[in-house]
Amino acid sequence: MSGKNILLLHGPNLNMLGKREPGLYGTKTLKDINMAVIDHAKEYGVKIYSRQSNHEGVLIDYIQKSKGYMHGILFNPGAYTHTSIALRDAILSVSLPVVEVHLSNIYAREEFRQHSLLAPVCVGQISGFGWHSYLLGLEALFLHLGVKTFGKN
């Protein structure tokens, strides 16, 4: 058992998953995604703390409060990906590994969505695999934290 804690953070409009543009974002609800991540993390002795907000300042507060309690952050910043220098600064301020995740492939969407202000301060980014992006991102964070290994070195 690893005993690690991970903050699962969801940005704006993700509370509408399952209802909002299901052709693009799928039919899973935020609760469904949270449960899938929590269940997968349990297999490795990792505790997930899930939070969602439509407000940038609240997301910043969650990130800042994670320092000293969390070992990493799995973060879908939603539209703030493309606009928030404040979230970028918050990520830098806590010195925690962050994996950015997106349900859709942001690089195959509108031009304004094809740039992430956060990716350069994250350990990695997963996008385009629907709700599975969260599980793939969690796996990547596990690898980064040494919770598990992948293949041979």
N, C-alpha and C. Protein backbone atom coordinates (compact mmCIF):
# COMPACT_ATOMS: atom_id res chain seq x y z
N MET A 1 0.83 -1.19 0.00
CA MET A 1 0.00 0.00 0.00
C MET A 1 0.87 1.25 0.00
N SER A 2 0.49 2.22 -0.82
CA SER A 2 1.35 3.39 -0.97
C SER A 2 1.05 4.49 0.04
N GLY A 3 -0.20 4.64 0.47
CA GLY A 3 -0.54 5.68 1.43
C GLY A 3 -0.48 7.09 0.87
N LYS A 4 -0.54 7.23 -0.43
CA LYS A 4 -0.47 8.55 -1.06
C LYS A 4 -1.87 9.15 -1.20
N ASN A 5 -1.90 10.47 -1.24
CA ASN A 5 -3.13 11.22 -1.43
C ASN A 5 -3.04 12.02 -2.72
N ILE A 6 -4.10 11.97 -3.51
CA ILE A 6 -4.13 12.70 -4.77
C ILE A 6 -5.40 13.55 -4.82
N LEU A 7 -5.22 14.81 -5.20
CA LEU A 7 -6.34 15.70 -5.41
C LEU A 7 -6.82 15.53 -6.85
N LEU A 8 -8.08 15.17 -7.00
CA LEU A 8 -8.74 15.07 -8.30
C LEU A 8 -9.55 16.34 -8.46
N LEU A 9 -9.10 17.23 -9.34
CA LEU A 9 -9.67 18.57 -9.43
C LEU A 9 -10.32 18.77 -10.80
N HIS A 10 -11.56 19.23 -10.77
CA HIS A 10 -12.34 19.46 -11.99
C HIS A 10 -12.71 20.93 -12.09
N GLY A 11 -12.52 21.49 -13.26
CA GLY A 11 -12.82 22.90 -13.49
C GLY A 11 -14.24 23.17 -13.95
N PRO A 12 -14.44 24.32 -14.58
CA PRO A 12 -15.78 24.80 -14.92
C PRO A 12 -16.51 23.90 -15.90
N ASN A 13 -17.80 23.81 -15.67
CA ASN A 13 -18.77 23.10 -16.50
C ASN A 13 -18.67 21.58 -16.42
N LEU A 14 -17.69 21.06 -15.72
CA LEU A 14 -17.57 19.61 -15.63
C LEU A 14 -18.64 19.01 -14.74
N ASN A 15 -19.28 19.81 -13.93
CA ASN A 15 -20.43 19.35 -13.16
C ASN A 15 -21.62 19.03 -14.07
N MET A 16 -21.55 19.44 -15.33
CA MET A 16 -22.62 19.20 -16.30
C MET A 16 -22.37 17.97 -17.17
N LEU A 17 -21.31 17.24 -16.89
CA LEU A 17 -21.01 16.04 -17.69
C LEU A 17 -22.20 15.09 -17.68
N GLY A 18 -22.42 14.45 -18.81
CA GLY A 18 -23.55 13.56 -18.98
C GLY A 18 -24.76 14.26 -19.56
N LYS A 19 -24.80 15.58 -19.38
CA LYS A 19 -25.90 16.40 -19.91
C LYS A 19 -25.39 17.35 -21.00
N ARG A 20 -24.19 17.84 -20.84
CA ARG A 20 -23.62 18.85 -21.73
C ARG A 20 -22.91 18.19 -22.91
N GLU A 21 -23.37 18.43 -24.10
CA GLU A 21 -22.74 17.95 -25.33
C GLU A 21 -22.25 16.50 -25.22
N PRO A 22 -23.16 15.56 -24.98
CA PRO A 22 -22.73 14.17 -24.80
C PRO A 22 -22.00 13.60 -26.03
N GLY A 23 -22.26 14.12 -27.21
CA GLY A 23 -21.54 13.67 -28.40
C GLY A 23 -20.07 14.00 -28.34
N LEU A 24 -19.73 15.05 -27.62
CA LEU A 24 -18.33 15.47 -27.48
C LEU A 24 -17.71 14.96 -26.18
N TYR A 25 -18.46 15.04 -25.09
CA TYR A 25 -17.91 14.73 -23.77
C TYR A 25 -18.37 13.39 -23.20
N GLY A 26 -19.29 12.70 -23.86
CA GLY A 26 -19.73 11.41 -23.39
C GLY A 26 -20.93 11.50 -22.46
N THR A 27 -21.38 10.36 -21.99
CA THR A 27 -22.58 10.29 -21.16
C THR A 27 -22.28 10.03 -19.68
N LYS A 28 -21.03 9.78 -19.36
CA LYS A 28 -20.66 9.59 -17.95
C LYS A 28 -20.82 10.91 -17.20
N THR A 29 -21.31 10.82 -15.99
CA THR A 29 -21.43 12.01 -15.15
C THR A 29 -20.12 12.23 -14.39
N LEU A 30 -20.00 13.37 -13.78
CA LEU A 30 -18.83 13.65 -12.95
C LEU A 30 -18.73 12.64 -11.81
N LYS A 31 -19.87 12.30 -11.24
CA LYS A 31 -19.89 11.30 -10.16
C LYS A 31 -19.37 9.95 -10.67
N ASP A 32 -19.78 9.56 -11.88
CA ASP A 32 -19.30 8.31 -12.48
C ASP A 32 -17.78 8.32 -12.62
N ILE A 33 -17.26 9.43 -13.11
CA ILE A 33 -15.81 9.54 -13.32
C ILE A 33 -15.08 9.51 -11.98
N ASN A 34 -15.60 10.26 -11.02
CA ASN A 34 -14.98 10.26 -9.68
C ASN A 34 -14.91 8.85 -9.11
N MET A 35 -16.01 8.11 -9.22
CA MET A 35 -16.05 6.76 -8.66
C MET A 35 -15.06 5.84 -9.38
N ALA A 36 -14.94 5.98 -10.70
CA ALA A 36 -13.99 5.15 -11.46
C ALA A 36 -12.55 5.44 -11.01
N VAL A 37 -12.23 6.70 -10.81
CA VAL A 37 -10.88 7.08 -10.37
C VAL A 37 -10.64 6.60 -8.95
N ILE A 38 -11.59 6.82 -8.07
CA ILE A 38 -11.46 6.40 -6.67
C ILE A 38 -11.27 4.89 -6.58
N ASP A 39 -12.10 4.14 -7.32
CA ASP A 39 -12.01 2.68 -7.30
C ASP A 39 -10.66 2.20 -7.81
N HIS A 40 -10.18 2.79 -8.89
CA HIS A 40 -8.88 2.38 -9.44
C HIS A 40 -7.75 2.70 -8.45
N ALA A 41 -7.81 3.86 -7.84
CA ALA A 41 -6.76 4.28 -6.90
C ALA A 41 -6.71 3.37 -5.68
N LYS A 42 -7.86 2.88 -5.24
CA LYS A 42 -7.92 1.98 -4.07
C LYS A 42 -7.06 0.74 -4.28
N GLU A 43 -6.99 0.27 -5.52
CA GLU A 43 -6.19 -0.92 -5.83
C GLU A 43 -4.72 -0.71 -5.48
N TYR A 44 -4.29 0.53 -5.41
CA TYR A 44 -2.89 0.86 -5.13
C TYR A 44 -2.71 1.54 -3.77
N GLY A 45 -3.76 1.54 -2.97
CA GLY A 45 -3.67 2.15 -1.65
C GLY A 45 -3.59 3.66 -1.70
N VAL A 46 -4.09 4.25 -2.76
CA VAL A 46 -4.05 5.71 -2.94
C VAL A 46 -5.44 6.27 -2.64
N LYS A 47 -5.49 7.34 -1.87
CA LYS A 47 -6.75 8.00 -1.53
C LYS A 47 -6.94 9.21 -2.44
N ILE A 48 -8.14 9.31 -3.01
CA ILE A 48 -8.50 10.40 -3.91
C ILE A 48 -9.42 11.38 -3.18
N TYR A 49 -9.12 12.64 -3.31
CA TYR A 49 -9.95 13.72 -2.79
C TYR A 49 -10.45 14.52 -3.99
N SER A 50 -11.73 14.41 -4.28
CA SER A 50 -12.29 15.01 -5.49
C SER A 50 -12.97 16.34 -5.17
N ARG A 51 -12.68 17.33 -6.01
CA ARG A 51 -13.29 18.65 -5.88
C ARG A 51 -13.60 19.20 -7.27
N GLN A 52 -14.67 19.99 -7.37
CA GLN A 52 -15.03 20.66 -8.62
C GLN A 52 -15.48 22.07 -8.30
N SER A 53 -15.12 23.00 -9.19
CA SER A 53 -15.64 24.35 -9.06
C SER A 53 -15.70 25.01 -10.44
N ASN A 54 -16.68 25.87 -10.58
CA ASN A 54 -16.79 26.70 -11.77
C ASN A 54 -16.04 28.01 -11.60
N HIS A 55 -15.42 28.20 -10.44
CA HIS A 55 -14.79 29.48 -10.10
C HIS A 55 -13.27 29.34 -10.01
N GLU A 56 -12.58 30.15 -10.74
CA GLU A 56 -11.12 30.09 -10.81
C GLU A 56 -10.47 30.23 -9.43
N GLY A 57 -10.93 31.18 -8.65
CA GLY A 57 -10.34 31.40 -7.33
C GLY A 57 -10.50 30.21 -6.40
N VAL A 58 -11.63 29.53 -6.49
CA VAL A 58 -11.85 28.34 -5.66
C VAL A 58 -10.89 27.23 -6.09
N LEU A 59 -10.69 27.06 -7.39
CA LEU A 59 -9.73 26.06 -7.88
C LEU A 59 -8.32 26.39 -7.37
N ILE A 60 -7.96 27.66 -7.38
CA ILE A 60 -6.66 28.09 -6.86
C ILE A 60 -6.55 27.76 -5.38
N ASP A 61 -7.62 28.03 -4.62
CA ASP A 61 -7.62 27.69 -3.19
C ASP A 61 -7.39 26.19 -2.98
N TYR A 62 -8.06 25.34 -3.76
CA TYR A 62 -7.88 23.89 -3.64
C TYR A 62 -6.43 23.51 -3.92
N ILE A 63 -5.85 24.09 -4.94
CA ILE A 63 -4.45 23.78 -5.28
C ILE A 63 -3.54 24.21 -4.15
N GLN A 64 -3.71 25.42 -3.66
CA GLN A 64 -2.84 25.93 -2.60
C GLN A 64 -2.97 25.13 -1.32
N LYS A 65 -4.19 24.72 -0.98
CA LYS A 65 -4.42 23.94 0.24
C LYS A 65 -3.88 22.52 0.13
N SER A 66 -3.58 22.07 -1.07
CA SER A 66 -3.09 20.70 -1.26
C SER A 66 -1.63 20.54 -0.83
N LYS A 67 -0.89 21.63 -0.76
CA LYS A 67 0.52 21.55 -0.38
C LYS A 67 0.65 21.02 1.04
N GLY A 68 1.46 20.00 1.19
CA GLY A 68 1.66 19.40 2.50
C GLY A 68 0.70 18.26 2.82
N TYR A 69 -0.38 18.12 2.03
CA TYR A 69 -1.35 17.07 2.27
C TYR A 69 -1.46 16.09 1.11
N MET A 70 -1.24 16.60 -0.09
CA MET A 70 -1.37 15.78 -1.29
C MET A 70 0.00 15.46 -1.86
N HIS A 71 0.06 14.35 -2.58
CA HIS A 71 1.31 13.96 -3.24
C HIS A 71 1.29 14.30 -4.72
N GLY A 72 0.11 14.61 -5.25
CA GLY A 72 -0.03 14.98 -6.64
C GLY A 72 -1.45 15.43 -6.92
N ILE A 73 -1.62 15.99 -8.13
CA ILE A 73 -2.93 16.51 -8.53
C ILE A 73 -3.24 15.99 -9.93
N LEU A 74 -4.45 15.46 -10.09
CA LEU A 74 -4.99 15.10 -11.39
C LEU A 74 -6.03 16.17 -11.71
N PHE A 75 -5.82 16.94 -12.77
CA PHE A 75 -6.56 18.19 -12.97
C PHE A 75 -7.12 18.31 -14.37
N ASN A 76 -8.44 18.44 -14.45
CA ASN A 76 -9.09 18.85 -15.69
C ASN A 76 -9.53 20.29 -15.49
N PRO A 77 -8.74 21.24 -15.99
CA PRO A 77 -9.06 22.65 -15.78
C PRO A 77 -10.15 23.19 -16.70
N GLY A 78 -10.69 22.35 -17.58
CA GLY A 78 -11.73 22.83 -18.50
C GLY A 78 -11.22 24.00 -19.32
N ALA A 79 -12.08 24.96 -19.55
CA ALA A 79 -11.73 26.11 -20.39
C ALA A 79 -10.62 26.98 -19.78
N TYR A 80 -10.40 26.88 -18.48
CA TYR A 80 -9.31 27.65 -17.88
C TYR A 80 -7.94 27.22 -18.40
N THR A 81 -7.89 26.05 -19.02
CA THR A 81 -6.65 25.57 -19.64
C THR A 81 -6.04 26.62 -20.54
N HIS A 82 -6.90 27.32 -21.26
CA HIS A 82 -6.47 28.21 -22.33
C HIS A 82 -6.36 29.66 -21.90
N THR A 83 -6.75 29.96 -20.65
CA THR A 83 -6.85 31.36 -20.25
C THR A 83 -6.19 31.73 -18.92
N SER A 84 -5.92 30.76 -18.07
CA SER A 84 -5.61 31.10 -16.68
C SER A 84 -4.12 31.08 -16.33
N ILE A 85 -3.56 32.25 -16.29
CA ILE A 85 -2.20 32.41 -15.77
C ILE A 85 -2.22 32.21 -14.25
N ALA A 86 -3.33 32.57 -13.62
CA ALA A 86 -3.44 32.42 -12.17
C ALA A 86 -3.38 30.94 -11.76
N LEU A 87 -4.03 30.05 -12.49
CA LEU A 87 -3.94 28.62 -12.19
C LEU A 87 -2.53 28.10 -12.45
N ARG A 88 -1.91 28.59 -13.50
CA ARG A 88 -0.52 28.23 -13.79
C ARG A 88 0.37 28.60 -12.61
N ASP A 89 0.21 29.82 -12.11
CA ASP A 89 1.01 30.28 -10.98
C ASP A 89 0.72 29.46 -9.72
N ALA A 90 -0.54 29.08 -9.52
CA ALA A 90 -0.89 28.27 -8.36
C ALA A 90 -0.21 26.90 -8.43
N ILE A 91 -0.20 26.30 -9.60
CA ILE A 91 0.47 25.01 -9.77
C ILE A 91 1.96 25.15 -9.44
N LEU A 92 2.58 26.19 -9.95
CA LEU A 92 3.99 26.41 -9.65
C LEU A 92 4.24 26.63 -8.16
N SER A 93 3.30 27.26 -7.48
CA SER A 93 3.50 27.63 -6.08
C SER A 93 3.52 26.43 -5.13
N VAL A 94 2.90 25.31 -5.52
CA VAL A 94 2.82 24.18 -4.60
C VAL A 94 3.88 23.12 -4.83
N SER A 95 4.59 23.19 -5.93
CA SER A 95 5.66 22.22 -6.24
C SER A 95 5.19 20.78 -6.12
N LEU A 96 4.00 20.50 -6.62
CA LEU A 96 3.47 19.14 -6.66
C LEU A 96 3.36 18.70 -8.11
N PRO A 97 3.52 17.41 -8.38
CA PRO A 97 3.32 16.95 -9.75
C PRO A 97 1.83 17.03 -10.12
N VAL A 98 1.56 17.61 -11.27
CA VAL A 98 0.20 17.76 -11.77
C VAL A 98 0.13 17.11 -13.14
N VAL A 99 -0.89 16.29 -13.35
CA VAL A 99 -1.18 15.76 -14.67
C VAL A 99 -2.47 16.42 -15.13
N GLU A 100 -2.39 17.09 -16.27
CA GLU A 100 -3.54 17.76 -16.87
C GLU A 100 -4.29 16.76 -17.74
N VAL A 101 -5.62 16.70 -17.57
CA VAL A 101 -6.43 15.78 -18.37
C VAL A 101 -7.58 16.51 -19.04
N HIS A 102 -7.95 15.99 -20.21
CA HIS A 102 -9.10 16.51 -20.95
C HIS A 102 -9.85 15.37 -21.59
N LEU A 103 -11.16 15.46 -21.59
CA LEU A 103 -12.00 14.44 -22.20
C LEU A 103 -11.82 14.43 -23.72
N SER A 104 -11.82 15.62 -24.32
CA SER A 104 -11.69 15.73 -25.78
C SER A 104 -10.23 16.01 -26.14
N ASN A 105 -9.92 15.79 -27.39
CA ASN A 105 -8.58 16.11 -27.89
C ASN A 105 -8.56 17.61 -28.19
N ILE A 106 -8.00 18.38 -27.28
CA ILE A 106 -8.02 19.84 -27.43
C ILE A 106 -7.28 20.29 -28.68
N TYR A 107 -6.38 19.49 -29.19
CA TYR A 107 -5.59 19.86 -30.37
C TYR A 107 -6.34 19.61 -31.67
N ALA A 108 -7.48 18.95 -31.59
CA ALA A 108 -8.31 18.70 -32.77
C ALA A 108 -9.56 19.58 -32.75
N ARG A 109 -9.57 20.56 -31.86
CA ARG A 109 -10.75 21.42 -31.70
C ARG A 109 -10.45 22.83 -32.23
N GLU A 110 -11.25 23.77 -31.82
CA GLU A 110 -11.08 25.14 -32.28
C GLU A 110 -9.67 25.63 -31.96
N GLU A 111 -9.19 26.54 -32.78
CA GLU A 111 -7.81 27.01 -32.62
C GLU A 111 -7.54 27.56 -31.22
N PHE A 112 -8.50 28.29 -30.65
CA PHE A 112 -8.28 28.88 -29.33
C PHE A 112 -8.16 27.82 -28.23
N ARG A 113 -8.62 26.60 -28.49
CA ARG A 113 -8.50 25.53 -27.50
C ARG A 113 -7.23 24.71 -27.67
N GLN A 114 -6.44 25.01 -28.67
CA GLN A 114 -5.28 24.17 -28.98
C GLN A 114 -4.01 24.58 -28.25
N HIS A 115 -4.13 25.49 -27.30
CA HIS A 115 -2.96 25.90 -26.52
C HIS A 115 -3.30 25.81 -25.03
N SER A 116 -2.44 25.14 -24.30
CA SER A 116 -2.61 25.04 -22.85
C SER A 116 -1.58 25.92 -22.16
N LEU A 117 -2.05 26.83 -21.33
CA LEU A 117 -1.14 27.64 -20.51
C LEU A 117 -0.59 26.82 -19.35
N LEU A 118 -1.26 25.70 -19.03
CA LEU A 118 -0.88 24.91 -17.86
C LEU A 118 0.09 23.78 -18.19
N ALA A 119 0.01 23.23 -19.39
CA ALA A 119 0.83 22.06 -19.75
C ALA A 119 2.32 22.26 -19.44
N PRO A 120 2.90 23.43 -19.71
CA PRO A 120 4.34 23.58 -19.44
C PRO A 120 4.72 23.47 -17.96
N VAL A 121 3.76 23.60 -17.04
CA VAL A 121 4.09 23.49 -15.62
C VAL A 121 3.54 22.20 -15.01
N CYS A 122 3.02 21.32 -15.86
CA CYS A 122 2.54 20.00 -15.44
C CYS A 122 3.56 18.95 -15.85
N VAL A 123 3.52 17.80 -15.19
CA VAL A 123 4.44 16.72 -15.57
C VAL A 123 4.00 16.06 -16.86
N GLY A 124 2.74 16.23 -17.24
CA GLY A 124 2.25 15.68 -18.49
C GLY A 124 0.80 16.03 -18.70
N GLN A 125 0.31 15.63 -19.89
CA GLN A 125 -1.07 15.92 -20.28
C GLN A 125 -1.63 14.72 -21.03
N ILE A 126 -2.88 14.39 -20.72
CA ILE A 126 -3.60 13.33 -21.43
C ILE A 126 -4.89 13.96 -21.95
N SER A 127 -5.16 13.78 -23.26
CA SER A 127 -6.40 14.33 -23.80
C SER A 127 -6.93 13.44 -24.91
N GLY A 128 -8.25 13.49 -25.08
CA GLY A 128 -8.86 12.85 -26.22
C GLY A 128 -9.40 11.46 -26.02
N PHE A 129 -9.36 10.92 -24.82
CA PHE A 129 -9.81 9.55 -24.59
C PHE A 129 -11.10 9.49 -23.78
N GLY A 130 -11.88 10.56 -23.85
CA GLY A 130 -13.12 10.60 -23.07
C GLY A 130 -12.84 10.45 -21.59
N TRP A 131 -13.75 9.80 -20.88
CA TRP A 131 -13.56 9.67 -19.43
C TRP A 131 -12.34 8.83 -19.09
N HIS A 132 -11.89 8.01 -20.04
CA HIS A 132 -10.68 7.22 -19.81
C HIS A 132 -9.44 8.09 -19.66
N SER A 133 -9.50 9.33 -20.14
CA SER A 133 -8.37 10.25 -19.95
C SER A 133 -8.02 10.39 -18.47
N TYR A 134 -9.03 10.34 -17.62
CA TYR A 134 -8.78 10.43 -16.18
C TYR A 134 -7.99 9.22 -15.67
N LEU A 135 -8.39 8.03 -16.10
CA LEU A 135 -7.68 6.83 -15.65
C LEU A 135 -6.26 6.79 -16.22
N LEU A 136 -6.11 7.19 -17.47
CA LEU A 136 -4.77 7.25 -18.06
C LEU A 136 -3.91 8.29 -17.34
N GLY A 137 -4.51 9.41 -17.01
CA GLY A 137 -3.78 10.44 -16.26
C GLY A 137 -3.39 9.97 -14.87
N LEU A 138 -4.29 9.23 -14.24
CA LEU A 138 -3.99 8.67 -12.92
C LEU A 138 -2.82 7.69 -13.01
N GLU A 139 -2.84 6.85 -14.03
CA GLU A 139 -1.74 5.91 -14.24
C GLU A 139 -0.42 6.66 -14.43
N ALA A 140 -0.46 7.73 -15.21
CA ALA A 140 0.75 8.53 -15.43
C ALA A 140 1.24 9.15 -14.12
N LEU A 141 0.32 9.63 -13.31
CA LEU A 141 0.70 10.20 -12.01
C LEU A 141 1.27 9.11 -11.10
N PHE A 142 0.68 7.92 -11.12
CA PHE A 142 1.22 6.79 -10.36
C PHE A 142 2.67 6.51 -10.76
N LEU A 143 2.92 6.48 -12.05
CA LEU A 143 4.28 6.23 -12.54
C LEU A 143 5.23 7.31 -12.04
N HIS A 144 4.79 8.56 -12.14
CA HIS A 144 5.64 9.68 -11.70
C HIS A 144 5.93 9.61 -10.21
N LEU A 145 4.95 9.19 -9.44
CA LEU A 145 5.10 9.14 -7.97
C LEU A 145 5.76 7.84 -7.49
N GLY A 146 5.98 6.90 -8.41
CA GLY A 146 6.57 5.63 -8.03
C GLY A 146 5.59 4.68 -7.37
N VAL A 147 4.30 4.93 -7.51
CA VAL A 147 3.28 4.05 -6.95
C VAL A 147 3.31 2.72 -7.69
N LYS A 148 3.63 2.77 -8.97
CA LYS A 148 3.74 1.57 -9.78
C LYS A 148 4.79 1.78 -10.86
N THR A 149 5.18 0.70 -11.49
CA THR A 149 6.13 0.80 -12.60
C THR A 149 5.46 0.29 -13.86
N PHE A 150 6.09 0.59 -14.97
CA PHE A 150 5.52 0.21 -16.26
C PHE A 150 6.61 -0.46 -17.08
N GLY A 151 6.42 -1.72 -17.36
CA GLY A 151 7.39 -2.42 -18.20
C GLY A 151 8.76 -2.47 -17.59
N LYS A 152 9.74 -2.64 -18.44
CA LYS A 152 11.14 -2.70 -17.99
C LYS A 152 11.82 -1.38 -18.31
N ASN A 153 12.73 -0.98 -17.44
CA ASN A 153 13.45 0.28 -17.64
C ASN A 153 14.50 0.15 -18.70
